[in-house]
C-alpha atoms as a PDB file:
ATOM      1  CA  MET A   1     -12.719   2.876  55.039  1.00  0.00           C
ATOM      2  CA  ILE A   2     -11.810   2.656  51.368  1.00  0.00           C
ATOM      3  CA  VAL A   3     -13.778   2.990  48.125  1.00  0.00           C
ATOM      4  CA  SER A   4     -13.568   0.240  45.507  1.00  0.00           C
ATOM      5  CA  ASP A   5     -14.087  -0.175  41.789  1.00  0.00           C
ATOM      6  CA  SER A   6     -15.406  -3.523  40.535  1.00  0.00           C
ATOM      7  CA  THR A   7     -12.460  -5.481  39.080  1.00  0.00           C
ATOM      8  CA  THR A   8     -10.816  -6.482  42.364  1.00  0.00           C
ATOM      9  CA  LEU A   9     -14.204  -7.291  43.878  1.00  0.00           C
ATOM     10  CA  ILE A  10     -15.115  -9.507  40.911  1.00  0.00           C
ATOM     11  CA  ILE A  11     -11.852 -11.442  41.147  1.00  0.00           C
ATOM     12  CA  LEU A  12     -12.095 -11.873  44.909  1.00  0.00           C
ATOM     13  CA  SER A  13     -15.716 -12.955  44.583  1.00  0.00           C
ATOM     14  CA  ASN A  14     -14.846 -15.488  41.864  1.00  0.00           C
ATOM     15  CA  PHE A  15     -12.375 -17.123  44.256  1.00  0.00           C
ATOM     16  CA  ASN A  16     -14.403 -16.575  47.437  1.00  0.00           C
ATOM     17  CA  ARG A  17     -11.554 -14.478  48.887  1.00  0.00           C
ATOM     18  CA  PHE A  18     -13.278 -11.392  50.304  1.00  0.00           C
ATOM     19  CA  GLU A  19     -11.258 -11.949  53.492  1.00  0.00           C
ATOM     20  CA  LEU A  20      -8.257 -10.509  51.645  1.00  0.00           C
ATOM     21  CA  LEU A  21     -10.148  -7.212  51.887  1.00  0.00           C
ATOM     22  CA  SER A  22     -11.661  -7.622  55.355  1.00  0.00           C
ATOM     23  CA  ASN A  23      -8.176  -8.453  56.697  1.00  0.00           C
ATOM     24  CA  LEU A  24      -7.141  -4.914  55.754  1.00  0.00           C
ATOM     25  CA  PHE A  25     -10.215  -2.700  55.678  1.00  0.00           C
ATOM     26  CA  PRO A  26     -13.053  -2.647  58.227  1.00  0.00           C
ATOM     27  CA  GLN A  27     -15.357  -0.989  55.684  1.00  0.00           C
ATOM     28  CA  ILE A  28     -15.434  -0.803  51.903  1.00  0.00           C
ATOM     29  CA  ILE A  29     -17.762   1.607  50.128  1.00  0.00           C
ATOM     30  CA  ILE A  30     -18.852   1.040  46.540  1.00  0.00           C
ATOM     31  CA  PRO A  31     -21.018   3.234  44.331  1.00  0.00           C
ATOM     32  CA  GLN A  32     -24.220   1.912  42.758  1.00  0.00           C
ATOM     33  CA  ALA A  33     -22.624   1.450  39.307  1.00  0.00           C
ATOM     34  CA  VAL A  34     -19.903  -0.761  40.797  1.00  0.00           C
ATOM     35  CA  TYR A  35     -22.532  -2.808  42.620  1.00  0.00           C
ATOM     36  CA  GLU A  36     -24.403  -3.278  39.335  1.00  0.00           C
ATOM     37  CA  GLU A  37     -21.200  -4.281  37.473  1.00  0.00           C
ATOM     38  CA  LEU A  38     -20.365  -6.753  40.220  1.00  0.00           C
ATOM     39  CA  ASN A  39     -23.875  -8.190  40.238  1.00  0.00           C
ATOM     40  CA  ALA A  40     -23.849  -8.555  36.437  1.00  0.00           C
ATOM     41  CA  LYS A  41     -20.520 -10.455  36.469  1.00  0.00           C
ATOM     42  CA  VAL A  42     -20.912 -12.585  39.590  1.00  0.00           C
ATOM     43  CA  LYS A  43     -24.152 -13.266  41.378  1.00  0.00           C
ATOM     44  CA  THR A  44     -22.930 -12.824  44.930  1.00  0.00           C
ATOM     45  CA  THR A  45     -24.144 -11.549  48.241  1.00  0.00           C
ATOM     46  CA  LEU A  46     -21.940  -8.740  49.450  1.00  0.00           C
ATOM     47  CA  PRO A  47     -20.314  -9.334  52.808  1.00  0.00           C
ATOM     48  CA  PRO A  48     -21.486  -6.996  55.576  1.00  0.00           C
ATOM     49  CA  PHE A  49     -18.318  -4.871  55.473  1.00  0.00           C
ATOM     50  CA  ILE A  50     -19.085  -3.730  51.885  1.00  0.00           C
ATOM     51  CA  GLU A  51     -21.638  -0.925  51.672  1.00  0.00           C
ATOM     52  CA  VAL A  52     -23.268   0.606  48.582  1.00  0.00           C
ATOM     53  CA  LYS A  53     -23.411   4.408  48.648  1.00  0.00           C
ATOM     54  CA  LYS A  54     -24.867   6.885  46.162  1.00  0.00           C
ATOM     55  CA  VAL A  55     -22.508   9.397  44.574  1.00  0.00           C
ATOM     56  CA  SER A  56     -23.552  13.004  45.211  1.00  0.00           C
ATOM     57  CA  SER A  57     -21.526  14.720  42.481  1.00  0.00           C
ATOM     58  CA  SER A  58     -23.163  13.849  39.176  1.00  0.00           C
ATOM     59  CA  GLN A  59     -21.140  16.630  37.511  1.00  0.00           C
ATOM     60  CA  LEU A  60     -17.828  14.957  38.409  1.00  0.00           C
ATOM     61  CA  VAL A  61     -19.180  11.585  37.285  1.00  0.00           C
ATOM     62  CA  ASP A  62     -20.240  13.093  33.945  1.00  0.00           C
ATOM     63  CA  GLU A  63     -16.779  14.621  33.453  1.00  0.00           C
ATOM     64  CA  LEU A  64     -15.028  11.357  34.298  1.00  0.00           C
ATOM     65  CA  LYS A  65     -17.346   9.369  31.975  1.00  0.00           C
ATOM     66  CA  LEU A  66     -15.748  11.224  29.048  1.00  0.00           C
ATOM     67  CA  VAL A  67     -12.656   9.031  29.540  1.00  0.00           C
ATOM     68  CA  LEU A  68     -13.718   6.192  31.870  1.00  0.00           C
ATOM     69  CA  ASP A  69     -16.585   3.750  32.249  1.00  0.00           C
ATOM     70  CA  LEU A  70     -19.449   4.471  34.644  1.00  0.00           C
ATOM     71  CA  GLY A  71     -18.195   2.244  37.465  1.00  0.00           C
ATOM     72  CA  GLU A  72     -14.709   3.755  37.471  1.00  0.00           C
ATOM     73  CA  SER A  73     -16.184   7.256  37.207  1.00  0.00           C
ATOM     74  CA  GLU A  74     -18.495   6.746  40.171  1.00  0.00           C
ATOM     75  CA  ALA A  75     -15.767   5.052  42.236  1.00  0.00           C
ATOM     76  CA  ILE A  76     -13.355   7.950  41.673  1.00  0.00           C
ATOM     77  CA  ALA A  77     -16.068  10.528  42.362  1.00  0.00           C
ATOM     78  CA  LEU A  78     -17.046   8.732  45.573  1.00  0.00           C
ATOM     79  CA  ALA A  79     -13.397   8.548  46.687  1.00  0.00           C
ATOM     80  CA  VAL A  80     -13.167  12.318  46.148  1.00  0.00           C
ATOM     81  CA  GLU A  81     -16.414  12.951  48.066  1.00  0.00           C
ATOM     82  CA  LEU A  82     -15.369  10.776  50.995  1.00  0.00           C
ATOM     83  CA  ASN A  83     -11.717  11.859  50.894  1.00  0.00           C
ATOM     84  CA  SER A  84     -10.874   8.167  50.704  1.00  0.00           C
ATOM     85  CA  LYS A  85      -8.291   5.871  49.203  1.00  0.00           C
ATOM     86  CA  LEU A  86      -9.406   3.838  46.187  1.00  0.00           C
ATOM     87  CA  ILE A  87      -9.083   0.226  45.050  1.00  0.00           C
ATOM     88  CA  ILE A  88      -8.816   0.302  41.259  1.00  0.00           C
ATOM     89  CA  ASP A  89      -6.995  -1.897  38.766  1.00  0.00           C
ATOM     90  CA  GLU A  90      -7.620  -0.511  35.287  1.00  0.00           C
ATOM     91  CA  ARG A  91      -4.629   1.467  34.026  1.00  0.00           C
ATOM     92  CA  ARG A  92      -6.533   4.496  32.715  1.00  0.00           C
ATOM     93  CA  GLY A  93      -8.656   4.749  35.875  1.00  0.00           C
ATOM     94  CA  ARG A  94      -5.565   4.461  38.085  1.00  0.00           C
ATOM     95  CA  LYS A  95      -3.874   7.260  36.152  1.00  0.00           C
ATOM     96  CA  VAL A  96      -6.912   9.562  36.381  1.00  0.00           C
ATOM     97  CA  ALA A  97      -7.303   8.867  40.111  1.00  0.00           C
ATOM     98  CA  MET A  98      -3.624   9.519  40.831  1.00  0.00           C
ATOM     99  CA  ASN A  99      -3.735  12.753  38.811  1.00  0.00           C
ATOM    100  CA  MET A 100      -6.616  13.828  41.063  1.00  0.00           C
ATOM    101  CA  GLY A 101      -4.495  13.170  44.155  1.00  0.00           C
ATOM    102  CA  ILE A 102      -6.287   9.974  45.203  1.00  0.00           C
ATOM    103  CA  THR A 103      -4.163   7.299  46.878  1.00  0.00           C
ATOM    104  CA  ILE A 104      -4.781   4.019  45.077  1.00  0.00           C
ATOM    105  CA  THR A 105      -4.140   0.337  45.443  1.00  0.00           C
ATOM    106  CA  GLY A 106      -5.224  -2.674  43.421  1.00  0.00           C
ATOM    107  CA  LEU A 107      -5.394  -6.437  43.656  1.00  0.00           C
ATOM    108  CA  LEU A 108      -1.618  -6.795  43.727  1.00  0.00           C
ATOM    109  CA  GLY A 109      -1.307  -4.214  46.517  1.00  0.00           C
ATOM    110  CA  ILE A 110      -3.978  -6.017  48.518  1.00  0.00           C
ATOM    111  CA  VAL A 111      -2.177  -9.343  48.092  1.00  0.00           C
ATOM    112  CA  TYR A 112       1.106  -7.657  49.077  1.00  0.00           C
ATOM    113  CA  MET A 113      -0.405  -6.177  52.256  1.00  0.00           C
ATOM    114  CA  ASN A 114      -1.926  -9.559  53.175  1.00  0.00           C
ATOM    115  CA  ILE A 115       1.489 -11.218  52.839  1.00  0.00           C
ATOM    116  CA  LYS A 116       3.251  -8.467  54.807  1.00  0.00           C
ATOM    117  CA  LYS A 117       0.690  -8.769  57.626  1.00  0.00           C
ATOM    118  CA  SER A 118       1.034 -12.596  57.560  1.00  0.00           C
ATOM    119  CA  PHE A 119      -2.585 -13.237  56.605  1.00  0.00           C
ATOM    120  CA  ILE A 120      -1.415 -15.361  53.660  1.00  0.00           C
ATOM    121  CA  SER A 121       1.869 -16.987  52.693  1.00  0.00           C
ATOM    122  CA  LYS A 122       3.878 -16.161  49.587  1.00  0.00           C
ATOM    123  CA  VAL A 123       3.003 -19.614  48.233  1.00  0.00           C
ATOM    124  CA  GLU A 124      -0.711 -19.019  48.765  1.00  0.00           C
ATOM    125  CA  ALA A 125      -0.403 -15.557  47.189  1.00  0.00           C
ATOM    126  CA  LYS A 126       1.358 -16.975  44.126  1.00  0.00           C
ATOM    127  CA  GLU A 127      -1.286 -19.688  43.721  1.00  0.00           C
ATOM    128  CA  PHE A 128      -4.072 -17.122  44.029  1.00  0.00           C
ATOM    129  CA  LEU A 129      -2.483 -14.723  41.517  1.00  0.00           C
ATOM    130  CA  ASP A 130      -1.782 -17.587  39.084  1.00  0.00           C
ATOM    131  CA  SER A 131      -5.435 -18.656  39.359  1.00  0.00           C
ATOM    132  CA  ALA A 132      -6.635 -15.083  38.837  1.00  0.00           C
ATOM    133  CA  VAL A 133      -4.494 -14.763  35.689  1.00  0.00           C
ATOM    134  CA  ALA A 134      -5.770 -18.131  34.431  1.00  0.00           C
ATOM    135  CA  ASP A 135      -9.305 -16.804  35.034  1.00  0.00           C
ATOM    136  CA  GLY A 136      -8.656 -13.782  32.796  1.00  0.00           C
ATOM    137  CA  TYR A 137      -7.219 -11.145  35.146  1.00  0.00           C
ATOM    138  CA  ARG A 138      -4.506  -9.266  33.288  1.00  0.00           C
ATOM    139  CA  ILE A 139      -1.430  -8.276  35.209  1.00  0.00           C
ATOM    140  CA  SER A 140       2.168  -7.899  34.194  1.00  0.00           C
ATOM    141  CA  ARG A 141       4.383 -10.813  35.191  1.00  0.00           C
ATOM    142  CA  LEU A 142       7.070  -8.215  35.927  1.00  0.00           C
ATOM    143  CA  LEU A 143       4.785  -6.427  38.414  1.00  0.00           C
ATOM    144  CA  VAL A 144       4.088  -9.711  40.192  1.00  0.00           C
ATOM    145  CA  GLU A 145       7.822 -10.474  40.339  1.00  0.00           C
ATOM    146  CA  GLU A 146       8.516  -6.978  41.693  1.00  0.00           C
ATOM    147  CA  MET A 147       5.868  -7.441  44.376  1.00  0.00           C
ATOM    148  CA  PHE A 148       7.493 -10.686  45.534  1.00  0.00           C
ATOM    149  CA  ARG A 149      10.924  -9.012  45.568  1.00  0.00           C
ATOM    150  CA  ARG A 150       9.467  -6.308  47.805  1.00  0.00           C
ATOM    151  CA  VAL A 151       8.032  -8.965  50.083  1.00  0.00           C
ATOM    152  CA  ASP A 152      11.481 -10.534  50.291  1.00  0.00           C
ATOM    153  CA  GLY A 153      12.990  -7.151  51.162  1.00  0.00           C
ATOM    154  CA  GLU A 154      15.054  -6.757  47.974  1.00  0.00           C
ATOM    155  CA  ILE A 155      13.398  -3.419  47.259  1.00  0.00           C
ATOM    156  CA  LEU A 156      13.129  -0.975  50.125  1.00  0.00           C
ATOM    157  CA  GLN A 157      10.157   1.342  50.224  1.00  0.00           C
END
């Protein structure tokens, strides 16, 4: 199980690539605000492995909303409540989550894990990431290059 913010879900939905998540995670939990963000951006039916769950800690959400948007705040709060890892791509949200001790990943990490587990090829990954960038997803070219170097074993973890 892992909790997710909306950005990665929106991108994967736009390209009909939810299998990049289901390949890695049997269950993804999203808070209501993330569901609403996703539904506002892309009219999609969630696959069965994605479940919407209400956040219990409104106090934590309120504190996080001082620096983050509602979806990120609820996703982080839900990750804390469930003692879960978190899929999040926005820089500020990633930083807040890491400072709270939450293990994070994002779209690039998901693509990386899919390559490493041989669910997709490097060529397919590059085409997907290029399409995502062309569709408006912002990611550093240097981060993408570093990810492919890791895949090729040039950088040891």
